PDB file of N, CA and C in Angstrom:
ATOM      1  N   MET A   1    -110.332 301.707  -9.043  1.00  0.00           N
ATOM      2  CA  MET A   1    -110.478 300.383  -9.639  1.00  0.00           C
ATOM      3  C   MET A   1    -110.591 300.534 -11.147  1.00  0.00           C
ATOM      4  N   ILE A   2    -109.833 299.708 -11.861  1.00  0.00           N
ATOM      5  CA  ILE A   2    -109.929 299.675 -13.318  1.00  0.00           C
ATOM      6  C   ILE A   2    -110.128 298.226 -13.750  1.00  0.00           C
ATOM      7  N   SER A   3    -110.762 298.055 -14.896  1.00  0.00           N
ATOM      8  CA  SER A   3    -110.964 296.698 -15.408  1.00  0.00           C
ATOM      9  C   SER A   3    -110.767 296.697 -16.914  1.00  0.00           C
ATOM     10  N   ARG A   4    -110.465 295.528 -17.430  1.00  0.00           N
ATOM     11  CA  ARG A   4    -110.204 295.374 -18.862  1.00  0.00           C
ATOM     12  C   ARG A   4    -110.455 293.931 -19.253  1.00  0.00           C
ATOM     13  N   LYS A   5    -111.104 293.738 -20.380  1.00  0.00           N
ATOM     14  CA  LYS A   5    -111.359 292.386 -20.873  1.00  0.00           C
ATOM     15  C   LYS A   5    -110.218 291.948 -21.772  1.00  0.00           C
ATOM     16  N   VAL A   6    -109.763 290.718 -21.554  1.00  0.00           N
ATOM     17  CA  VAL A   6    -108.697 290.133 -22.373  1.00  0.00           C
ATOM     18  C   VAL A   6    -109.077 288.704 -22.735  1.00  0.00           C
ATOM     19  N   ILE A   7    -108.577 288.253 -23.869  1.00  0.00           N
ATOM     20  CA  ILE A   7    -108.848 286.894 -24.334  1.00  0.00           C
ATOM     21  C   ILE A   7    -107.605 286.037 -24.112  1.00  0.00           C
ATOM     22  N   ILE A   8    -107.818 284.840 -23.607  1.00  0.00           N
ATOM     23  CA  ILE A   8    -106.721 283.895 -23.364  1.00  0.00           C
ATOM     24  C   ILE A   8    -106.358 283.226 -24.681  1.00  0.00           C
ATOM     25  N   HIS A   9    -105.079 283.346 -25.078  1.00  0.00           N
ATOM     26  CA  HIS A   9    -104.625 282.798 -26.352  1.00  0.00           C
ATOM     27  C   HIS A   9    -103.853 281.486 -26.213  1.00  0.00           C
ATOM     28  N   ASN A  10    -103.489 281.129 -24.979  1.00  0.00           N
ATOM     29  CA  ASN A  10    -102.725 279.899 -24.781  1.00  0.00           C
ATOM     30  C   ASN A  10    -103.529 278.700 -25.280  1.00  0.00           C
ATOM     31  N   PRO A  11    -102.920 277.830 -26.072  1.00  0.00           N
ATOM     32  CA  PRO A  11    -103.651 276.683 -26.620  1.00  0.00           C
ATOM     33  C   PRO A  11    -104.289 275.782 -25.575  1.00  0.00           C
ATOM     34  N   THR A  12    -103.685 275.692 -24.397  1.00  0.00           N
ATOM     35  CA  THR A  12    -104.229 274.833 -23.343  1.00  0.00           C
ATOM     36  C   THR A  12    -104.870 275.634 -22.219  1.00  0.00           C
ATOM     37  N   GLY A  13    -105.098 276.924 -22.430  1.00  0.00           N
ATOM     38  CA  GLY A  13    -105.738 277.758 -21.415  1.00  0.00           C
ATOM     39  C   GLY A  13    -104.797 278.071 -20.265  1.00  0.00           C
ATOM     40  N   LEU A  14    -105.362 278.380 -19.113  1.00  0.00           N
ATOM     41  CA  LEU A  14    -104.553 278.713 -17.934  1.00  0.00           C
ATOM     42  C   LEU A  14    -104.278 277.463 -17.104  1.00  0.00           C
ATOM     43  N   HIS A  15    -103.443 276.579 -17.639  1.00  0.00           N
ATOM     44  CA  HIS A  15    -103.020 275.405 -16.875  1.00  0.00           C
ATOM     45  C   HIS A  15    -101.869 275.826 -15.959  1.00  0.00           C
ATOM     46  N   LEU A  16    -101.209 274.902 -15.323  1.00  0.00           N
ATOM     47  CA  LEU A  16    -100.265 275.209 -14.247  1.00  0.00           C
ATOM     48  C   LEU A  16     -99.150 276.181 -14.639  1.00  0.00           C
ATOM     49  N   ARG A  17     -98.484 275.960 -15.746  1.00  0.00           N
ATOM     50  CA  ARG A  17     -97.340 276.815 -16.110  1.00  0.00           C
ATOM     51  C   ARG A  17     -97.768 278.267 -16.368  1.00  0.00           C
ATOM     52  N   PRO A  18     -98.735 278.527 -17.273  1.00  0.00           N
ATOM     53  CA  PRO A  18     -99.127 279.931 -17.468  1.00  0.00           C
ATOM     54  C   PRO A  18     -99.812 280.545 -16.248  1.00  0.00           C
ATOM     55  N   ALA A  19    -100.490 279.730 -15.447  1.00  0.00           N
ATOM     56  CA  ALA A  19    -101.096 280.249 -14.216  1.00  0.00           C
ATOM     57  C   ALA A  19    -100.001 280.730 -13.269  1.00  0.00           C
ATOM     58  N   GLY A  20     -98.914 279.988 -13.205  1.00  0.00           N
ATOM     59  CA  GLY A  20     -97.774 280.380 -12.378  1.00  0.00           C
ATOM     60  C   GLY A  20     -97.133 281.666 -12.864  1.00  0.00           C
ATOM     61  N   VAL A  21     -97.023 281.804 -14.193  1.00  0.00           N
ATOM     62  CA  VAL A  21     -96.462 283.034 -14.772  1.00  0.00           C
ATOM     63  C   VAL A  21     -97.364 284.223 -14.451  1.00  0.00           C
ATOM     64  N   LEU A  22     -98.668 284.038 -14.582  1.00  0.00           N
ATOM     65  CA  LEU A  22     -99.627 285.102 -14.277  1.00  0.00           C
ATOM     66  C   LEU A  22     -99.519 285.518 -12.804  1.00  0.00           C
ATOM     67  N   CYS A  23     -99.461 284.551 -11.908  1.00  0.00           N
ATOM     68  CA  CYS A  23     -99.361 284.839 -10.477  1.00  0.00           C
ATOM     69  C   CYS A  23     -98.060 285.549 -10.134  1.00  0.00           C
ATOM     70  N   LYS A  24     -96.974 285.101 -10.734  1.00  0.00           N
ATOM     71  CA  LYS A  24     -95.668 285.706 -10.478  1.00  0.00           C
ATOM     72  C   LYS A  24     -95.682 287.173 -10.904  1.00  0.00           C
ATOM     73  N   GLU A  25     -96.294 287.449 -12.044  1.00  0.00           N
ATOM     74  CA  GLU A  25     -96.397 288.824 -12.531  1.00  0.00           C
ATOM     75  C   GLU A  25     -97.288 289.653 -11.599  1.00  0.00           C
ATOM     76  N   ALA A  26     -98.412 289.087 -11.183  1.00  0.00           N
ATOM     77  CA  ALA A  26     -99.353 289.800 -10.307  1.00  0.00           C
ATOM     78  C   ALA A  26     -98.725 290.125  -8.952  1.00  0.00           C
ATOM     79  N   MET A  27     -97.875 289.244  -8.450  1.00  0.00           N
ATOM     80  CA  MET A  27     -97.252 289.432  -7.136  1.00  0.00           C
ATOM     81  C   MET A  27     -96.290 290.626  -7.105  1.00  0.00           C
ATOM     82  N   LYS A  28     -95.900 291.119  -8.254  1.00  0.00           N
ATOM     83  CA  LYS A  28     -94.987 292.262  -8.318  1.00  0.00           C
ATOM     84  C   LYS A  28     -95.669 293.562  -7.904  1.00  0.00           C
ATOM     85  N   PHE A  29     -96.992 293.548  -7.807  1.00  0.00           N
ATOM     86  CA  PHE A  29     -97.745 294.770  -7.555  1.00  0.00           C
ATOM     87  C   PHE A  29     -98.451 294.732  -6.204  1.00  0.00           C
ATOM     88  N   LYS A  30     -98.627 295.912  -5.614  1.00  0.00           N
ATOM     89  CA  LYS A  30     -99.301 296.028  -4.326  1.00  0.00           C
ATOM     90  C   LYS A  30    -100.815 295.960  -4.483  1.00  0.00           C
ATOM     91  N   SER A  31    -101.313 296.327  -5.650  1.00  0.00           N
ATOM     92  CA  SER A  31    -102.759 296.367  -5.890  1.00  0.00           C
ATOM     93  C   SER A  31    -103.398 294.993  -5.755  1.00  0.00           C
ATOM     94  N   SER A  32    -104.685 295.012  -5.443  1.00  0.00           N
ATOM     95  CA  SER A  32    -105.489 293.792  -5.478  1.00  0.00           C
ATOM     96  C   SER A  32    -105.751 293.473  -6.942  1.00  0.00           C
ATOM     97  N   ILE A  33    -105.447 292.257  -7.355  1.00  0.00           N
ATOM     98  CA  ILE A  33    -105.622 291.877  -8.756  1.00  0.00           C
ATOM     99  C   ILE A  33    -106.468 290.608  -8.817  1.00  0.00           C
ATOM    100  N   THR A  34    -107.618 290.731  -9.434  1.00  0.00           N
ATOM    101  CA  THR A  34    -108.526 289.602  -9.588  1.00  0.00           C
ATOM    102  C   THR A  34    -108.991 289.553 -11.034  1.00  0.00           C
ATOM    103  N   PHE A  35    -109.689 288.482 -11.392  1.00  0.00           N
ATOM    104  CA  PHE A  35    -110.364 288.457 -12.684  1.00  0.00           C
ATOM    105  C   PHE A  35    -111.686 287.741 -12.543  1.00  0.00           C
ATOM    106  N   SER A  36    -112.637 288.183 -13.337  1.00  0.00           N
ATOM    107  CA  SER A  36    -113.943 287.532 -13.314  1.00  0.00           C
ATOM    108  C   SER A  36    -114.079 286.675 -14.562  1.00  0.00           C
ATOM    109  N   PHE A  37    -114.696 285.506 -14.372  1.00  0.00           N
ATOM    110  CA  PHE A  37    -114.908 284.565 -15.461  1.00  0.00           C
ATOM    111  C   PHE A  37    -116.114 283.708 -15.125  1.00  0.00           C
ATOM    112  N   GLN A  38    -117.080 283.698 -16.008  1.00  0.00           N
ATOM    113  CA  GLN A  38    -118.307 282.911 -15.865  1.00  0.00           C
ATOM    114  C   GLN A  38    -118.973 283.106 -14.502  1.00  0.00           C
ATOM    115  N   GLY A  39    -119.065 284.351 -14.077  1.00  0.00           N
ATOM    116  CA  GLY A  39    -119.757 284.659 -12.835  1.00  0.00           C
ATOM    117  C   GLY A  39    -118.942 284.494 -11.575  1.00  0.00           C
ATOM    118  N   GLY A  40    -117.723 283.994 -11.693  1.00  0.00           N
ATOM    119  CA  GLY A  40    -116.870 283.812 -10.522  1.00  0.00           C
ATOM    120  C   GLY A  40    -115.731 284.815 -10.511  1.00  0.00           C
ATOM    121  N   ILE A  41    -115.113 284.975  -9.352  1.00  0.00           N
ATOM    122  CA  ILE A  41    -113.965 285.870  -9.197  1.00  0.00           C
ATOM    123  C   ILE A  41    -112.771 285.040  -8.743  1.00  0.00           C
ATOM    124  N   ALA A  42    -111.636 285.228  -9.421  1.00  0.00           N
ATOM    125  CA  ALA A  42    -110.415 284.514  -9.051  1.00  0.00           C
ATOM    126  C   ALA A  42    -109.340 285.517  -8.652  1.00  0.00           C
ATOM    127  N   ASN A  43    -108.564 285.168  -7.643  1.00  0.00           N
ATOM    128  CA  ASN A  43    -107.447 285.982  -7.190  1.00  0.00           C
ATOM    129  C   ASN A  43    -106.253 285.673  -8.090  1.00  0.00           C
ATOM    130  N   ALA A  44    -105.785 286.677  -8.835  1.00  0.00           N
ATOM    131  CA  ALA A  44    -104.681 286.470  -9.771  1.00  0.00           C
ATOM    132  C   ALA A  44    -103.353 286.228  -9.073  1.00  0.00           C
ATOM    133  N   LYS A  45    -103.296 286.434  -7.763  1.00  0.00           N
ATOM    134  CA  LYS A  45    -102.066 286.193  -7.007  1.00  0.00           C
ATOM    135  C   LYS A  45    -102.025 284.795  -6.393  1.00  0.00           C
ATOM    136  N   SER A  46    -103.033 283.977  -6.672  1.00  0.00           N
ATOM    137  CA  SER A  46    -103.115 282.619  -6.135  1.00  0.00           C
ATOM    138  C   SER A  46    -103.195 281.606  -7.276  1.00  0.00           C
ATOM    139  N   VAL A  47    -102.197 280.746  -7.375  1.00  0.00           N
ATOM    140  CA  VAL A  47    -102.184 279.739  -8.439  1.00  0.00           C
ATOM    141  C   VAL A  47    -103.424 278.850  -8.351  1.00  0.00           C
ATOM    142  N   LEU A  48    -103.786 278.440  -7.142  1.00  0.00           N
ATOM    143  CA  LEU A  48    -104.957 277.573  -6.992  1.00  0.00           C
ATOM    144  C   LEU A  48    -106.243 278.267  -7.425  1.00  0.00           C
ATOM    145  N   SER A  49    -106.352 279.537  -7.128  1.00  0.00           N
ATOM    146  CA  SER A  49    -107.530 280.296  -7.534  1.00  0.00           C
ATOM    147  C   SER A  49    -107.604 280.421  -9.050  1.00  0.00           C
ATOM    148  N   VAL A  50    -106.469 280.677  -9.684  1.00  0.00           N
ATOM    149  CA  VAL A  50    -106.420 280.792 -11.148  1.00  0.00           C
ATOM    150  C   VAL A  50    -106.754 279.449 -11.790  1.00  0.00           C
ATOM    151  N   LEU A  51    -106.165 278.375 -11.293  1.00  0.00           N
ATOM    152  CA  LEU A  51    -106.451 277.043 -11.837  1.00  0.00           C
ATOM    153  C   LEU A  51    -107.917 276.663 -11.635  1.00  0.00           C
ATOM    154  N   GLY A  52    -108.468 277.037 -10.499  1.00  0.00           N
ATOM    155  CA  GLY A  52    -109.854 276.716 -10.174  1.00  0.00           C
ATOM    156  C   GLY A  52    -110.869 277.396 -11.077  1.00  0.00           C
ATOM    157  N   ALA A  53    -110.450 278.460 -11.748  1.00  0.00           N
ATOM    158  CA  ALA A  53    -111.360 279.171 -12.653  1.00  0.00           C
ATOM    159  C   ALA A  53    -111.610 278.392 -13.941  1.00  0.00           C
ATOM    160  N   CYS A  54    -110.724 277.428 -14.261  1.00  0.00           N
ATOM    161  CA  CYS A  54    -110.867 276.566 -15.455  1.00  0.00           C
ATOM    162  C   CYS A  54    -110.999 277.378 -16.746  1.00  0.00           C
ATOM    163  N   VAL A  55    -110.088 278.319 -16.946  1.00  0.00           N
ATOM    164  CA  VAL A  55    -110.109 279.160 -18.139  1.00  0.00           C
ATOM    165  C   VAL A  55    -109.425 278.426 -19.282  1.00  0.00           C
ATOM    166  N   LYS A  56    -110.086 278.378 -20.420  1.00  0.00           N
ATOM    167  CA  LYS A  56    -109.574 277.661 -21.587  1.00  0.00           C
ATOM    168  C   LYS A  56    -109.217 278.634 -22.713  1.00  0.00           C
ATOM    169  N   CYS A  57    -108.558 278.120 -23.727  1.00  0.00           N
ATOM    170  CA  CYS A  57    -108.167 278.918 -24.887  1.00  0.00           C
ATOM    171  C   CYS A  57    -109.410 279.549 -25.527  1.00  0.00           C
ATOM    172  N   GLY A  58    -109.312 280.833 -25.824  1.00  0.00           N
ATOM    173  CA  GLY A  58    -110.411 281.552 -26.459  1.00  0.00           C
ATOM    174  C   GLY A  58    -111.381 282.183 -25.488  1.00  0.00           C
ATOM    175  N   ASP A  59    -111.277 281.843 -24.194  1.00  0.00           N
ATOM    176  CA  ASP A  59    -112.162 282.428 -23.189  1.00  0.00           C
ATOM    177  C   ASP A  59    -111.775 283.885 -22.934  1.00  0.00           C
ATOM    178  N   GLU A  60    -112.770 284.689 -22.601  1.00  0.00           N
ATOM    179  CA  GLU A  60    -112.540 286.084 -22.260  1.00  0.00           C
ATOM    180  C   GLU A  60    -112.696 286.266 -20.754  1.00  0.00           C
ATOM    181  N   ILE A  61    -111.685 286.883 -20.151  1.00  0.00           N
ATOM    182  CA  ILE A  61    -111.759 287.191 -18.724  1.00  0.00           C
ATOM    183  C   ILE A  61    -111.731 288.707 -18.566  1.00  0.00           C
ATOM    184  N   GLU A  62    -112.213 289.171 -17.429  1.00  0.00           N
ATOM    185  CA  GLU A  62    -112.149 290.602 -17.122  1.00  0.00           C
ATOM    186  C   GLU A  62    -111.187 290.798 -15.965  1.00  0.00           C
ATOM    187  N   LEU A  63    -110.027 291.393 -16.264  1.00  0.00           N
ATOM    188  CA  LEU A  63    -109.041 291.699 -15.232  1.00  0.00           C
ATOM    189  C   LEU A  63    -109.523 292.894 -14.428  1.00  0.00           C
ATOM    190  N   ILE A  64    -109.345 292.844 -13.119  1.00  0.00           N
ATOM    191  CA  ILE A  64    -109.756 293.933 -12.237  1.00  0.00           C
ATOM    192  C   ILE A  64    -108.579 294.260 -11.314  1.00  0.00           C
ATOM    193  N   CYS A  65    -108.097 295.491 -11.394  1.00  0.00           N
ATOM    194  CA  CYS A  65    -106.988 295.928 -10.551  1.00  0.00           C
ATOM    195  C   CYS A  65    -107.460 297.095  -9.684  1.00  0.00           C
ATOM    196  N   GLU A  66    -107.113 297.034  -8.404  1.00  0.00           N
ATOM    197  CA  GLU A  66    -107.521 298.093  -7.490  1.00  0.00           C
ATOM    198  C   GLU A  66    -106.407 298.357  -6.498  1.00  0.00           C
ATOM    199  N   GLY A  67    -105.898 299.589  -6.514  1.00  0.00           N
ATOM    200  CA  GLY A  67    -104.840 299.958  -5.583  1.00  0.00           C
ATOM    201  C   GLY A  67    -103.946 301.048  -6.131  1.00  0.00           C
ATOM    202  N   ALA A  68    -102.879 301.318  -5.417  1.00  0.00           N
ATOM    203  CA  ALA A  68    -101.986 302.427  -5.735  1.00  0.00           C
ATOM    204  C   ALA A  68    -101.322 302.293  -7.106  1.00  0.00           C
ATOM    205  N   ASP A  69    -100.969 301.077  -7.488  1.00  0.00           N
ATOM    206  CA  ASP A  69    -100.273 300.865  -8.771  1.00  0.00           C
ATOM    207  C   ASP A  69    -101.151 300.115  -9.773  1.00  0.00           C
ATOM    208  N   GLU A  70    -102.464 300.372  -9.732  1.00  0.00           N
ATOM    209  CA  GLU A  70    -103.408 299.616 -10.561  1.00  0.00           C
ATOM    210  C   GLU A  70    -103.170 299.796 -12.055  1.00  0.00           C
ATOM    211  N   ALA A  71    -102.802 300.988 -12.503  1.00  0.00           N
ATOM    212  CA  ALA A  71    -102.596 301.214 -13.937  1.00  0.00           C
ATOM    213  C   ALA A  71    -101.399 300.416 -14.443  1.00  0.00           C
ATOM    214  N   GLU A  72    -100.314 300.438 -13.680  1.00  0.00           N
ATOM    215  CA  GLU A  72     -99.115 299.686 -14.064  1.00  0.00           C
ATOM    216  C   GLU A  72     -99.401 298.186 -14.038  1.00  0.00           C
ATOM    217  N   ALA A  73    -100.128 297.740 -13.023  1.00  0.00           N
ATOM    218  CA  ALA A  73    -100.472 296.325 -12.910  1.00  0.00           C
ATOM    219  C   ALA A  73    -101.317 295.877 -14.098  1.00  0.00           C
ATOM    220  N   MET A  74    -102.297 296.687 -14.468  1.00  0.00           N
ATOM    221  CA  MET A  74    -103.172 296.338 -15.586  1.00  0.00           C
ATOM    222  C   MET A  74    -102.382 296.198 -16.877  1.00  0.00           C
ATOM    223  N   GLU A  75    -101.517 297.160 -17.152  1.00  0.00           N
ATOM    224  CA  GLU A  75    -100.726 297.107 -18.382  1.00  0.00           C
ATOM    225  C   GLU A  75     -99.816 295.878 -18.401  1.00  0.00           C
ATOM    226  N   ALA A  76     -99.161 295.602 -17.285  1.00  0.00           N
ATOM    227  CA  ALA A  76     -98.245 294.458 -17.219  1.00  0.00           C
ATOM    228  C   ALA A  76     -98.987 293.135 -17.385  1.00  0.00           C
ATOM    229  N   LEU A  77    -100.112 292.974 -16.684  1.00  0.00           N
ATOM    230  CA  LEU A  77    -100.840 291.702 -16.741  1.00  0.00           C
ATOM    231  C   LEU A  77    -101.540 291.503 -18.088  1.00  0.00           C
ATOM    232  N   ALA A  78    -102.161 292.557 -18.595  1.00  0.00           N
ATOM    233  CA  ALA A  78    -102.815 292.434 -19.904  1.00  0.00           C
ATOM    234  C   ALA A  78    -101.780 292.122 -20.975  1.00  0.00           C
ATOM    235  N   GLY A  79    -100.621 292.769 -20.885  1.00  0.00           N
ATOM    236  CA  GLY A  79     -99.546 292.493 -21.840  1.00  0.00           C
ATOM    237  C   GLY A  79     -99.040 291.068 -21.744  1.00  0.00           C
ATOM    238  N   ALA A  80     -98.900 290.572 -20.519  1.00  0.00           N
ATOM    239  CA  ALA A  80     -98.434 289.198 -20.320  1.00  0.00           C
ATOM    240  C   ALA A  80     -99.443 288.189 -20.880  1.00  0.00           C
ATOM    241  N   ILE A  81    -100.726 288.430 -20.630  1.00  0.00           N
ATOM    242  CA  ILE A  81    -101.761 287.515 -21.127  1.00  0.00           C
ATOM    243  C   ILE A  81    -101.821 287.547 -22.640  1.00  0.00           C
ATOM    244  N   GLU A  82    -101.819 288.749 -23.210  1.00  0.00           N
ATOM    245  CA  GLU A  82    -101.876 288.872 -24.670  1.00  0.00           C
ATOM    246  C   GLU A  82    -100.620 288.328 -25.331  1.00  0.00           C
ATOM    247  N   GLY A  83     -99.501 288.313 -24.584  1.00  0.00           N
ATOM    248  CA  GLY A  83     -98.247 287.763 -25.088  1.00  0.00           C
ATOM    249  C   GLY A  83     -98.132 286.252 -24.932  1.00  0.00           C
ATOM    250  N   GLY A  84     -99.151 285.610 -24.363  1.00  0.00           N
ATOM    251  CA  GLY A  84     -99.163 284.151 -24.258  1.00  0.00           C
ATOM    252  C   GLY A  84     -98.610 283.590 -22.962  1.00  0.00           C
ATOM    253  N   LEU A  85     -98.270 284.433 -21.998  1.00  0.00           N
ATOM    254  CA  LEU A  85     -97.774 283.971 -20.698  1.00  0.00           C
ATOM    255  C   LEU A  85     -96.605 282.991 -20.826  1.00  0.00           C
ATOM    256  N   GLY A  86     -95.686 283.309 -21.709  1.00  0.00           N
ATOM    257  CA  GLY A  86     -94.470 282.520 -21.848  1.00  0.00           C
ATOM    258  C   GLY A  86     -94.605 281.258 -22.686  1.00  0.00           C
ATOM    259  N   GLU A  87     -95.727 281.074 -23.354  1.00  0.00           N
ATOM    260  CA  GLU A  87     -95.884 279.875 -24.175  1.00  0.00           C
ATOM    261  C   GLU A  87     -95.958 280.223 -25.646  1.00  0.00           C
TER     262      GLU A  87
END
């Protein structure tokens, strides 16, 4: 298991479009991918779970990857988040 803290830069936070991009990226990997935010855990492979976390611009989340391809998953997801998730 590896974890890494990242800051959400999207002006509107993780609303539907960037949440979908995050989930699509997470689904490419076999590892379990979650993130913790304000004491809760969200499944990065579930759009509803990501939306339910109510992450806003400037918030810091902790990505958690666990599995065979966890290092690759972490780099891809952290890069996608830091790159603005297509926005």
